[in-house]
Amino acid sequence: MATPLTERIRPDGTAVALRDYESAGGYRGLRKALNLAPREVIELVTKSGLRGRGGAGFPTGQKWSFVPAESDGKPRYLVVNADEKEPGTMKDRLLLEGDPHQLIEGLAIAAYAIGASTAFIFLRREYGRSAEALSAAMEEAEAKGYLGERVLGSGFKLELRLHLSSGRYMCGEETGLLNALEGKRATPRNKPPFPQVSGLWGRPTVVNNVETLCNLPHILREGPEWYKTLSSSPDAGTKLYGASGHLRAPGIWELPMGVTVRQIIEEKAGGLAEGRVLRGFIPGGASTDFLGPDKLDLSLDFDSVAKAGSRLGTGTIVALDDKTCPVGMVLSLERFFARESCGWCTPCREGLPWIVRSLEALEEGRGEMSDIDILEELCRKLAPGRTFCAFAPGAVEPLGSALKLFREDFEAHVRGKSCPWK
């Protein structure tokens, strides 16, 4: 099984140095890209079927194609979203710390394709080891001509800057990230205009996730058809899947896109801990809907998970077992989301704390059946189209789905005047 994203990552956690990356074929994809016209690079990526790995799954080549083809001679920007603050997710961290040159090569290919001469890596401040690995790799790359005034002797110029963010979940939303990069509050912007037309400082900008960009060197080097063969589903390539919760061996694995939930939980993660039974799982990070154990054979690709009633998101499973309170689990998630709301729109700013108070009342034995009705109403009020951005709709996905799958548990908190798991 091919694992192009992780095959060079070392068990001891030390970053791959430039000489080792080059000996394994590193930067050959960038060399090939520089021998093509930018639009030809975009066409290759489009043909590969690569979809964004940050959560939304938007086709990468199509996203790049929205950048105006004709240059006006003014700056364009590429921004790497390395903020990674989705609870249960650390896939990008693995790539940043283990193989930083893979990201640098990928972002250089993307910058060339969209005509950007400046790129930013927007990195979560807590990722100190990632910052050290990237800084060292950037120095190596610039000294060898992979960055700078004339990349590999071509007419392509690329200045790369590492930006350590102050750390907010909202920075995962691309326009909130751009505002933060400009030194403003991390609040979302109106769309349109979209960043590809008017982004960072009003200039054409593409924001891509770390894992997305790390696929590019392999697509350029081996070709779109090869990339499609890596998958077991209509979505091309491999994916970094993760699993956490009460599992025997939680972790992260690079697997063909379309692997099943059962293969991850039972084969890779070793199944549930001794004496525990699976009640449900979140398939793609904290902001996705719960699915039940009847979905163990679900193919983990974008369309299949959507048809099942959730989202692939970041591809990181959080398992819920029969000895864990689903109300308490959801409360933990909603506390996080309420704290991370940027406060820009009223439904999100006021609704999420209200959800937290209602869940706390249930957990502490003060809840009434009317609190469950209020929670259902708030899920409707914070649904897509009711708020300024997608933050609040994502935040209530685990709650809304838990109310459907585990309603008896919510009602048991009311009837028993306490949490049954305490």
Protein backbone atom coordinates (compact mmCIF):
# COMPACT_ATOMS: atom_id res chain seq x y z
CA MET A 1 0.00 0.00 0.00
CA ALA A 2 1.44 3.35 -1.07
CA THR A 3 1.88 5.97 1.64
CA PRO A 4 3.48 8.94 -0.15
CA LEU A 5 2.65 11.50 2.54
CA THR A 6 4.22 9.61 5.44
CA GLU A 7 6.72 7.14 3.94
CA ARG A 8 9.70 9.34 4.89
CA ILE A 9 8.53 10.19 8.42
CA ARG A 10 10.83 8.66 11.01
CA PRO A 11 9.69 6.69 14.07
CA ASP A 12 11.84 8.83 16.38
CA GLY A 13 10.00 12.00 15.33
CA THR A 14 13.02 13.85 13.96
CA ALA A 15 12.35 15.91 10.84
CA VAL A 16 13.57 14.71 7.44
CA ALA A 17 16.58 16.79 6.41
CA LEU A 18 16.93 18.27 2.93
CA ARG A 19 19.54 15.79 1.69
CA ASP A 20 17.35 12.84 2.68
CA TYR A 21 14.26 14.44 1.17
CA GLU A 22 16.10 15.03 -2.12
CA SER A 23 17.45 11.47 -2.24
CA ALA A 24 13.86 10.19 -1.95
CA GLY A 25 12.74 12.24 -4.95
CA GLY A 26 12.07 15.50 -3.17
CA TYR A 27 11.69 18.71 -5.20
CA ARG A 28 11.42 16.80 -8.49
CA GLY A 29 7.75 17.77 -8.56
CA LEU A 30 8.68 21.45 -8.27
CA ARG A 31 11.23 21.10 -11.08
CA LYS A 32 8.56 19.57 -13.29
CA ALA A 33 6.08 22.32 -12.42
CA LEU A 34 8.55 25.05 -13.37
CA ASN A 35 8.84 23.49 -16.82
CA LEU A 36 5.09 23.85 -17.32
CA ALA A 37 2.90 26.90 -17.69
CA PRO A 38 0.99 27.79 -14.49
CA ARG A 39 -2.34 26.88 -16.14
CA GLU A 40 -0.92 23.47 -17.08
CA VAL A 41 -0.10 22.85 -13.42
CA ILE A 42 -3.66 23.76 -12.45
CA GLU A 43 -5.00 21.38 -15.11
CA LEU A 44 -2.83 18.53 -13.76
CA VAL A 45 -4.07 19.07 -10.22
CA THR A 46 -7.65 19.28 -11.45
CA LYS A 47 -7.28 16.00 -13.36
CA SER A 48 -5.85 14.30 -10.27
CA GLY A 49 -9.13 14.77 -8.40
CA LEU A 50 -7.40 16.18 -5.31
CA ARG A 51 -9.95 17.61 -2.86
CA GLY A 52 -9.06 19.88 0.04
CA ARG A 53 -8.07 18.00 3.18
CA GLY A 54 -8.93 20.81 5.61
CA GLY A 55 -12.53 19.69 6.03
CA ALA A 56 -14.71 21.07 3.24
CA GLY A 57 -13.32 18.83 0.49
CA PHE A 58 -13.51 21.44 -2.27
CA PRO A 59 -11.65 20.44 -5.47
CA THR A 60 -8.20 22.01 -5.24
CA GLY A 61 -7.60 22.69 -8.92
CA GLN A 62 -11.01 24.29 -9.25
CA LYS A 63 -10.28 26.53 -6.29
CA TRP A 64 -7.06 27.72 -7.92
CA SER A 65 -8.83 28.33 -11.23
CA PHE A 66 -10.89 31.13 -9.65
CA VAL A 67 -7.75 33.27 -9.37
CA PRO A 68 -7.76 35.74 -12.31
CA ALA A 69 -5.67 34.33 -15.16
CA GLU A 70 -4.30 37.69 -16.24
CA SER A 71 -1.82 39.31 -13.86
CA ASP A 72 -2.02 43.03 -13.16
CA GLY A 73 1.57 43.09 -11.91
CA LYS A 74 0.51 43.47 -8.28
CA PRO A 75 1.02 40.93 -5.46
CA ARG A 76 -0.84 37.66 -5.12
CA TYR A 77 -0.61 35.44 -2.06
CA LEU A 78 -0.68 31.81 -1.03
CA VAL A 79 -1.56 31.13 2.60
CA VAL A 80 -1.05 27.76 4.27
CA ASN A 81 -3.62 27.02 6.95
CA ALA A 82 -1.64 25.22 9.67
CA ASP A 83 -3.77 26.44 12.57
CA GLU A 84 -5.30 22.96 13.16
CA LYS A 85 -7.51 23.52 16.19
CA GLU A 86 -10.27 21.00 15.51
CA PRO A 87 -10.57 18.87 18.68
CA GLY A 88 -9.37 15.34 18.05
CA THR A 89 -7.24 16.36 15.06
CA MET A 90 -3.43 16.40 14.75
CA LYS A 91 -2.78 15.10 11.24
CA ASP A 92 -1.12 18.29 9.99
CA ARG A 93 1.18 18.33 12.99
CA LEU A 94 2.51 14.90 11.98
CA LEU A 95 3.43 16.25 8.53
CA LEU A 96 4.87 19.53 9.79
CA GLU A 97 7.15 17.94 12.36
CA GLY A 98 8.08 14.86 10.36
CA ASP A 99 8.53 16.04 6.76
CA PRO A 100 8.54 19.86 6.49
CA HIS A 101 10.21 19.94 3.05
CA GLN A 102 7.21 18.12 1.62
CA LEU A 103 5.05 21.09 2.62
CA ILE A 104 7.56 23.62 1.30
CA GLU A 105 7.71 21.88 -2.07
CA GLY A 106 3.94 21.64 -2.21
CA LEU A 107 3.36 25.30 -1.39
CA ALA A 108 6.00 26.34 -3.92
CA ILE A 109 4.11 24.38 -6.62
CA ALA A 110 0.82 26.00 -5.58
CA ALA A 111 2.32 29.49 -5.48
CA TYR A 112 3.76 29.05 -8.97
CA ALA A 113 0.40 27.82 -10.30
CA ILE A 114 -1.54 30.85 -9.04
CA GLY A 115 1.19 33.42 -9.71
CA ALA A 116 1.97 34.22 -6.06
CA SER A 117 5.41 35.54 -5.16
CA THR A 118 4.76 35.58 -1.39
CA ALA A 119 3.49 32.73 0.77
CA PHE A 120 2.62 32.57 4.46
CA ILE A 121 2.44 29.55 6.74
CA PHE A 122 -0.18 30.44 9.35
CA LEU A 123 0.85 28.17 12.22
CA ARG A 124 -0.84 27.48 15.52
CA ARG A 125 1.42 28.96 18.22
CA GLU A 126 1.24 25.86 20.41
CA TYR A 127 2.97 23.87 17.67
CA GLY A 128 6.47 24.75 18.84
CA ARG A 129 8.18 21.68 17.39
CA SER A 130 6.46 22.32 14.07
CA ALA A 131 7.80 25.89 14.06
CA GLU A 132 11.33 24.67 14.74
CA ALA A 133 11.17 22.05 11.99
CA LEU A 134 9.72 24.50 9.46
CA SER A 135 12.22 27.24 10.28
CA ALA A 136 15.14 24.88 9.79
CA ALA A 137 13.70 23.51 6.55
CA MET A 138 13.03 27.00 5.20
CA GLU A 139 16.67 27.93 5.74
CA GLU A 140 17.82 24.76 3.96
CA ALA A 141 15.42 25.33 1.07
CA GLU A 142 16.45 28.94 0.54
CA ALA A 143 20.15 28.08 0.66
CA LYS A 144 19.59 25.42 -2.04
CA GLY A 145 17.51 27.69 -4.31
CA TYR A 146 14.07 26.19 -3.71
CA LEU A 147 12.95 29.54 -2.30
CA GLY A 148 14.11 33.07 -3.02
CA GLU A 149 14.58 35.47 -5.93
CA ARG A 150 15.07 32.88 -8.69
CA VAL A 151 13.70 29.49 -7.67
CA LEU A 152 15.91 26.81 -9.26
CA GLY A 153 17.29 29.43 -11.65
CA SER A 154 13.89 30.22 -13.15
CA GLY A 155 12.06 33.51 -13.35
CA PHE A 156 9.82 32.44 -10.46
CA LYS A 157 10.32 34.31 -7.18
CA LEU A 158 8.94 33.05 -3.86
CA GLU A 159 9.32 34.62 -0.44
CA LEU A 160 8.07 32.37 2.38
CA ARG A 161 7.16 33.67 5.82
CA LEU A 162 6.24 31.72 8.94
CA HIS A 163 3.51 33.40 11.01
CA LEU A 164 2.76 32.13 14.53
CA SER A 165 -0.90 32.78 15.26
CA SER A 166 -2.33 33.73 18.63
CA GLY A 167 -4.58 30.70 18.26
CA ARG A 168 -8.34 30.81 17.69
CA TYR A 169 -10.56 28.15 16.22
CA MET A 170 -12.04 30.80 13.92
CA CYS A 171 -8.68 31.04 12.18
CA GLY A 172 -9.57 27.74 10.54
CA GLU A 173 -12.15 29.66 8.49
CA GLU A 174 -10.19 31.14 5.59
CA THR A 175 -11.45 34.72 5.79
CA GLY A 176 -11.10 34.78 9.57
CA LEU A 177 -7.53 33.57 9.05
CA LEU A 178 -6.87 36.37 6.55
CA ASN A 179 -8.17 38.98 8.97
CA ALA A 180 -5.92 37.60 11.71
CA LEU A 181 -2.94 37.65 9.34
CA GLU A 182 -3.65 41.32 8.66
CA GLY A 183 -3.57 42.01 12.41
CA LYS A 184 -7.34 42.25 12.85
CA ARG A 185 -9.87 40.26 14.87
CA ALA A 186 -10.37 36.76 13.47
CA THR A 187 -13.92 37.43 12.27
CA PRO A 188 -15.31 36.13 8.97
CA ARG A 189 -15.73 38.32 5.90
CA ASN A 190 -18.61 38.65 3.49
CA LYS A 191 -18.50 36.36 0.46
CA PRO A 192 -18.42 37.45 -2.33
CA PRO A 193 -15.83 38.66 -2.97
CA PHE A 194 -14.06 35.38 -2.43
CA PRO A 195 -10.37 35.35 -1.39
CA GLN A 196 -9.26 34.14 -4.83
CA VAL A 197 -10.34 37.55 -6.14
CA SER A 198 -9.96 39.77 -3.06
CA GLY A 199 -8.20 38.16 -0.12
CA LEU A 200 -5.13 39.19 1.86
CA TRP A 201 -4.88 42.99 1.74
CA GLY A 202 -7.47 42.97 -1.02
CA ARG A 203 -5.32 40.93 -3.38
CA PRO A 204 -6.00 37.51 -5.01
CA THR A 205 -5.26 34.85 -2.39
CA VAL A 206 -5.55 31.08 -2.10
CA VAL A 207 -5.76 29.42 1.32
CA ASN A 208 -4.91 25.70 1.39
CA ASN A 209 -4.56 23.19 4.19
CA VAL A 210 -1.21 21.55 5.05
CA GLU A 211 -2.25 18.02 4.05
CA THR A 212 -3.70 19.29 0.77
CA LEU A 213 -0.43 20.92 -0.27
CA CYS A 214 1.65 17.90 0.76
CA ASN A 215 -0.07 15.88 -1.98
CA LEU A 216 1.19 18.17 -4.76
CA PRO A 217 4.82 17.01 -5.07
CA HIS A 218 3.62 13.45 -5.65
CA ILE A 219 0.92 14.44 -8.16
CA LEU A 220 3.42 16.48 -10.18
CA ARG A 221 6.10 13.81 -10.03
CA GLU A 222 3.98 10.70 -10.69
CA GLY A 223 0.99 12.13 -12.56
CA PRO A 224 -2.79 12.41 -12.03
CA GLU A 225 -3.61 8.85 -13.11
CA TRP A 226 -1.17 7.35 -10.63
CA TYR A 227 -2.69 9.49 -7.88
CA LYS A 228 -6.17 8.17 -8.62
CA THR A 229 -4.98 4.56 -8.25
CA LEU A 230 -4.09 5.18 -4.59
CA SER A 231 -7.76 5.40 -3.62
CA SER A 232 -10.45 2.79 -3.05
CA SER A 233 -13.23 5.33 -3.66
CA PRO A 234 -14.24 7.99 -6.21
CA ASP A 235 -12.18 10.49 -4.18
CA ALA A 236 -8.55 10.27 -5.27
CA GLY A 237 -5.39 9.74 -3.26
CA THR A 238 -4.64 8.75 0.29
CA LYS A 239 -5.84 10.41 3.49
CA LEU A 240 -4.48 10.82 6.98
CA TYR A 241 -7.12 9.23 9.18
CA GLY A 242 -7.10 9.39 12.95
CA ALA A 243 -9.01 7.74 15.78
CA SER A 244 -9.28 8.58 19.47
CA GLY A 245 -11.54 7.77 22.40
CA HIS A 246 -11.54 4.59 24.50
CA LEU A 247 -9.65 2.55 21.90
CA ARG A 248 -6.82 0.12 22.45
CA ALA A 249 -4.40 1.85 20.08
CA PRO A 250 -5.52 5.37 19.06
CA GLY A 251 -3.40 7.03 16.39
CA ILE A 252 -3.03 8.43 12.88
CA TRP A 253 -2.58 6.38 9.71
CA GLU A 254 -2.19 7.16 6.01
CA LEU A 255 -4.71 4.98 4.20
CA PRO A 256 -6.45 4.89 0.81
CA MET A 257 -9.28 7.39 0.57
CA GLY A 258 -12.46 5.42 1.15
CA VAL A 259 -11.26 3.03 3.87
CA THR A 260 -14.14 1.96 6.14
CA VAL A 261 -14.80 3.00 9.72
CA ARG A 262 -14.50 -0.63 10.79
CA GLN A 263 -11.03 -0.95 9.27
CA ILE A 264 -9.85 2.05 11.26
CA ILE A 265 -11.50 1.30 14.61
CA GLU A 266 -11.08 -2.48 14.68
CA GLU A 267 -7.96 -3.13 12.59
CA LYS A 268 -5.84 -0.02 13.02
CA ALA A 269 -6.96 1.18 16.46
CA GLY A 270 -7.37 -2.33 17.88
CA GLY A 271 -11.04 -1.98 18.76
CA LEU A 272 -12.67 -0.68 21.93
CA ALA A 273 -10.91 -1.03 25.27
CA GLU A 274 -11.65 -4.13 27.34
CA GLY A 275 -15.28 -4.40 28.39
CA ARG A 276 -16.48 -1.44 26.31
CA VAL A 277 -19.01 -1.40 23.47
CA LEU A 278 -19.21 1.19 20.70
CA ARG A 279 -22.33 3.38 20.89
CA GLY A 280 -21.41 5.89 18.20
CA PHE A 281 -18.66 7.98 16.71
CA ILE A 282 -17.88 11.36 15.24
CA PRO A 283 -16.26 10.72 11.82
CA GLY A 284 -14.39 13.95 11.09
CA GLY A 285 -13.49 15.98 14.14
CA ALA A 286 -15.61 17.72 16.77
CA SER A 287 -17.81 19.70 14.38
CA THR A 288 -19.37 16.69 12.62
CA ASP A 289 -22.54 14.67 13.34
CA PHE A 290 -22.52 11.50 15.40
CA LEU A 291 -23.14 8.28 13.52
CA GLY A 292 -24.24 4.99 15.09
CA PRO A 293 -22.48 1.60 15.20
CA ASP A 294 -24.61 0.52 12.23
CA LYS A 295 -22.31 2.72 10.10
CA LEU A 296 -19.12 0.76 10.82
CA ASP A 297 -18.87 -0.34 7.19
CA LEU A 298 -19.26 3.21 5.90
CA SER A 299 -16.67 4.27 3.32
CA LEU A 300 -14.81 7.30 4.64
CA ASP A 301 -14.90 9.51 1.58
CA PHE A 302 -16.58 12.89 1.22
CA ASP A 303 -19.77 11.86 -0.58
CA SER A 304 -20.38 8.60 1.31
CA VAL A 305 -20.15 10.26 4.72
CA ALA A 306 -22.40 13.10 3.56
CA LYS A 307 -25.04 10.60 2.39
CA ALA A 308 -24.85 8.90 5.79
CA GLY A 309 -25.76 12.19 7.47
CA SER A 310 -22.42 13.59 8.59
CA ARG A 311 -19.21 15.03 7.09
CA LEU A 312 -15.77 13.56 6.50
CA GLY A 313 -14.23 16.79 7.86
CA THR A 314 -10.65 16.18 8.92
CA GLY A 315 -11.06 12.40 8.83
CA THR A 316 -10.41 12.00 12.56
CA ILE A 317 -12.80 9.67 14.38
CA VAL A 318 -13.77 10.18 18.02
CA ALA A 319 -15.36 7.00 19.39
CA LEU A 320 -18.07 7.03 22.06
CA ASP A 321 -18.37 3.87 24.19
CA ASP A 322 -21.10 2.59 26.50
CA LYS A 323 -19.31 3.73 29.67
CA THR A 324 -19.09 7.39 28.64
CA CYS A 325 -21.95 9.84 29.08
CA PRO A 326 -22.98 11.23 25.67
CA VAL A 327 -24.43 14.35 27.35
CA GLY A 328 -21.14 15.00 29.11
CA MET A 329 -19.18 14.42 25.91
CA VAL A 330 -21.35 16.88 23.99
CA LEU A 331 -21.11 19.40 26.85
CA SER A 332 -17.31 19.26 26.63
CA LEU A 333 -17.46 19.97 22.90
CA GLU A 334 -19.99 22.80 23.23
CA ARG A 335 -17.95 24.50 25.95
CA PHE A 336 -15.07 24.58 23.52
CA PHE A 337 -17.17 26.03 20.71
CA ALA A 338 -18.82 28.63 22.97
CA ARG A 339 -15.40 29.80 24.10
CA GLU A 340 -14.04 29.93 20.56
CA SER A 341 -16.92 31.88 18.98
CA CYS A 342 -15.68 35.17 17.55
CA GLY A 343 -18.92 36.84 18.69
CA TRP A 344 -19.57 38.42 15.30
CA CYS A 345 -23.22 37.37 14.96
CA THR A 346 -25.92 37.13 17.63
CA PRO A 347 -27.13 33.52 17.11
CA CYS A 348 -23.61 32.18 17.61
CA ARG A 349 -22.53 34.62 20.34
CA GLU A 350 -25.66 34.10 22.46
CA GLY A 351 -26.85 30.67 21.32
CA LEU A 352 -23.75 28.62 22.11
CA PRO A 353 -23.46 29.80 25.75
CA TRP A 354 -27.18 29.10 26.14
CA ILE A 355 -26.56 25.56 24.89
CA VAL A 356 -23.77 25.15 27.44
CA ARG A 357 -25.98 26.34 30.32
CA SER A 358 -28.76 23.95 29.30
CA LEU A 359 -26.38 20.99 29.05
CA GLU A 360 -24.80 21.88 32.40
CA ALA A 361 -28.26 21.87 33.98
CA LEU A 362 -28.88 18.37 32.64
CA GLU A 363 -25.49 17.07 33.81
CA GLU A 364 -25.92 18.58 37.28
CA GLY A 365 -29.44 17.18 37.78
CA ARG A 366 -31.19 20.55 37.45
CA GLY A 367 -32.56 19.93 33.99
CA GLU A 368 -36.17 19.72 32.83
CA MET A 369 -37.67 18.12 29.74
CA SER A 370 -38.14 21.65 28.43
CA ASP A 371 -34.34 22.03 28.35
CA ILE A 372 -34.17 19.25 25.77
CA ASP A 373 -36.79 21.07 23.70
CA ILE A 374 -34.73 24.28 24.00
CA LEU A 375 -31.61 22.46 22.81
CA GLU A 376 -33.48 21.18 19.76
CA GLU A 377 -34.77 24.67 19.04
CA LEU A 378 -31.28 26.15 19.32
CA CYS A 379 -29.98 23.56 16.84
CA ARG A 380 -32.57 24.85 14.38
CA LYS A 381 -31.75 28.49 15.11
CA LEU A 382 -28.04 27.90 14.53
CA ALA A 383 -28.51 25.85 11.36
CA PRO A 384 -26.87 26.72 8.01
CA GLY A 385 -28.16 30.01 6.64
CA ARG A 386 -29.03 31.36 10.09
CA THR A 387 -25.56 32.63 11.02
CA PHE A 388 -22.86 34.73 9.36
CA CYS A 389 -20.47 31.82 8.74
CA ALA A 390 -20.36 28.04 9.13
CA PHE A 391 -18.91 28.07 12.67
CA ALA A 392 -22.19 27.76 14.60
CA PRO A 393 -23.79 25.21 12.24
CA GLY A 394 -20.70 23.04 12.70
CA ALA A 395 -20.73 23.57 16.45
CA VAL A 396 -24.28 22.22 16.83
CA GLU A 397 -23.80 19.21 14.54
CA PRO A 398 -22.65 16.91 17.37
CA LEU A 399 -25.45 18.19 19.62
CA GLY A 400 -28.24 17.82 17.08
CA SER A 401 -27.17 14.32 16.12
CA ALA A 402 -26.69 13.29 19.78
CA LEU A 403 -30.24 14.40 20.55
CA LYS A 404 -31.46 12.01 17.85
CA LEU A 405 -29.18 9.04 18.59
CA PHE A 406 -29.03 9.29 22.39
CA ARG A 407 -32.27 11.02 23.33
CA GLU A 408 -33.03 8.47 26.03
CA ASP A 409 -29.77 9.45 27.73
CA PHE A 410 -30.77 13.11 27.79
CA GLU A 411 -34.18 12.21 29.23
CA ALA A 412 -32.58 9.91 31.84
CA HIS A 413 -30.69 12.92 33.21
CA VAL A 414 -34.02 14.66 33.81
CA ARG A 415 -35.90 11.70 35.28
CA GLY A 416 -33.05 10.68 37.56
CA LYS A 417 -32.10 14.24 38.52
CA SER A 418 -28.43 13.37 37.92
CA CYS A 419 -26.02 12.00 35.37
CA PRO A 420 -26.40 8.18 35.25
CA TRP A 421 -22.64 7.83 34.63
CA LYS A 422 -21.59 9.60 37.84
